[in-house]
């Protein structure tokens, strides 16, 4: 489930990055790299887990699936938080700079 959620996030963020010039300005490439990296990590985990469990890998308990879903969503949330920090630091549209140096 972790692999599935991160792959969906990676595909969606890559499609948004590819389609929109505005999205490229907003550093969605960083988001794509984080999601694809997480997907590769979970793929490696799935390969090693399949090597250990064999056919039982394809019949997880519902509680395990729910835990994996929460873990995948947590990884996505963490990547989004990191992306927001990157946006605040790089400030591609100058919004933060404008608010900091606004004269009252």
Protein backbone atom coordinates (compact mmCIF):
# COMPACT_ATOMS: atom_id res chain seq x y z
CA UNK A 1 0.00 0.00 0.00
CA UNK A 2 2.91 2.35 0.71
CA UNK A 3 4.29 1.69 -2.75
CA UNK A 4 0.91 2.27 -4.34
CA UNK A 5 0.24 5.58 -2.59
CA UNK A 6 3.68 7.02 -3.34
CA UNK A 7 3.56 5.91 -6.98
CA UNK A 8 0.18 7.62 -7.41
CA UNK A 9 1.58 10.78 -5.80
CA UNK A 10 4.65 10.60 -8.03
CA UNK A 11 2.61 10.13 -11.21
CA UNK A 12 0.22 12.97 -10.33
CA UNK A 13 3.00 15.38 -9.40
CA UNK A 14 4.95 14.49 -12.54
CA UNK A 15 1.89 15.07 -14.72
CA UNK A 16 1.31 18.45 -13.07
CA UNK A 17 4.99 19.35 -13.50
CA UNK A 18 4.97 18.32 -17.16
CA UNK A 19 1.74 20.07 -18.07
CA UNK A 20 2.16 23.44 -16.37
CA UNK A 21 4.91 26.02 -16.77
CA UNK A 22 3.58 27.71 -13.63
CA UNK A 23 4.04 24.46 -11.69
CA UNK A 24 7.65 24.25 -12.84
CA UNK A 25 8.23 27.73 -11.41
CA UNK A 26 6.78 26.51 -8.12
CA UNK A 27 9.49 23.83 -7.77
CA UNK A 28 7.26 20.83 -8.36
CA UNK A 29 10.33 19.07 -9.70
CA UNK A 30 11.54 18.77 -6.08
CA UNK A 31 8.21 17.21 -5.19
CA UNK A 32 8.49 14.78 -8.10
CA UNK A 33 11.99 13.72 -7.03
CA UNK A 34 10.85 13.13 -3.45
CA UNK A 35 7.86 11.04 -4.52
CA UNK A 36 9.83 9.01 -7.07
CA UNK A 37 12.58 8.46 -4.50
CA UNK A 38 10.03 7.23 -1.97
CA UNK A 39 8.51 4.98 -4.63
CA UNK A 40 11.90 3.43 -5.37
CA UNK A 41 12.47 2.92 -1.66
CA UNK A 42 9.13 1.15 -1.25
CA UNK A 43 9.80 -0.92 -4.39
CA UNK A 44 13.03 -2.17 -2.83
CA UNK A 45 11.14 -2.92 0.37
CA UNK A 46 8.47 -4.83 -1.59
CA UNK A 47 11.11 -6.90 -3.40
CA UNK A 48 12.83 -7.92 -0.18
CA UNK A 49 9.52 -8.57 1.58
CA UNK A 50 8.35 -10.75 -1.33
CA UNK A 51 11.63 -12.68 -1.19
CA UNK A 52 10.96 -13.35 2.48
CA UNK A 53 7.19 -14.08 2.41
CA UNK A 54 6.72 -15.49 -1.13
CA UNK A 55 3.00 -15.92 -1.94
CA UNK A 56 1.90 -14.61 1.47
CA UNK A 57 3.05 -11.18 0.33
CA UNK A 58 -0.10 -10.88 -1.82
CA UNK A 59 -2.54 -11.66 1.01
CA UNK A 60 -1.88 -9.05 3.72
CA UNK A 61 -4.16 -8.66 6.70
CA UNK A 62 -6.56 -5.69 6.55
CA UNK A 63 -4.87 -4.13 9.60
CA UNK A 64 -1.50 -4.32 7.83
CA UNK A 65 -2.96 -2.70 4.73
CA UNK A 66 -4.42 0.14 6.80
CA UNK A 67 -1.10 0.66 8.59
CA UNK A 68 0.71 0.73 5.24
CA UNK A 69 -1.81 3.22 3.89
CA UNK A 70 -1.24 5.51 6.87
CA UNK A 71 2.51 5.18 6.44
CA UNK A 72 2.25 6.04 2.73
CA UNK A 73 0.06 9.06 3.47
CA UNK A 74 2.53 10.15 6.16
CA UNK A 75 5.37 10.01 3.64
CA UNK A 76 3.33 12.08 1.20
CA UNK A 77 2.50 14.62 3.92
CA UNK A 78 6.15 14.90 4.93
CA UNK A 79 7.19 15.45 1.30
CA UNK A 80 4.56 18.18 0.97
CA UNK A 81 5.82 19.89 4.14
CA UNK A 82 9.40 19.77 2.82
CA UNK A 83 8.19 21.20 -0.50
CA UNK A 84 6.43 24.06 1.29
CA UNK A 85 9.62 24.84 3.23
CA UNK A 86 11.54 24.85 -0.07
CA UNK A 87 8.95 27.25 -1.50
CA UNK A 88 9.21 29.54 1.52
CA UNK A 89 13.01 29.60 1.36
CA UNK A 90 13.36 30.08 -2.40
CA UNK A 91 10.28 32.32 -2.67
CA UNK A 92 9.84 32.00 -6.47
CA UNK A 93 7.07 34.61 -6.66
CA UNK A 94 8.56 37.01 -4.10
CA UNK A 95 5.52 36.85 -1.82
CA UNK A 96 7.46 36.20 1.39
CA UNK A 97 10.00 38.91 0.59
CA UNK A 98 7.18 41.35 -0.15
CA UNK A 99 5.44 40.61 3.15
CA UNK A 100 8.66 40.85 5.16
CA UNK A 101 9.69 44.19 3.72
CA UNK A 102 6.25 45.76 3.44
CA UNK A 103 6.25 49.30 4.72
CA UNK A 104 3.33 50.15 6.92
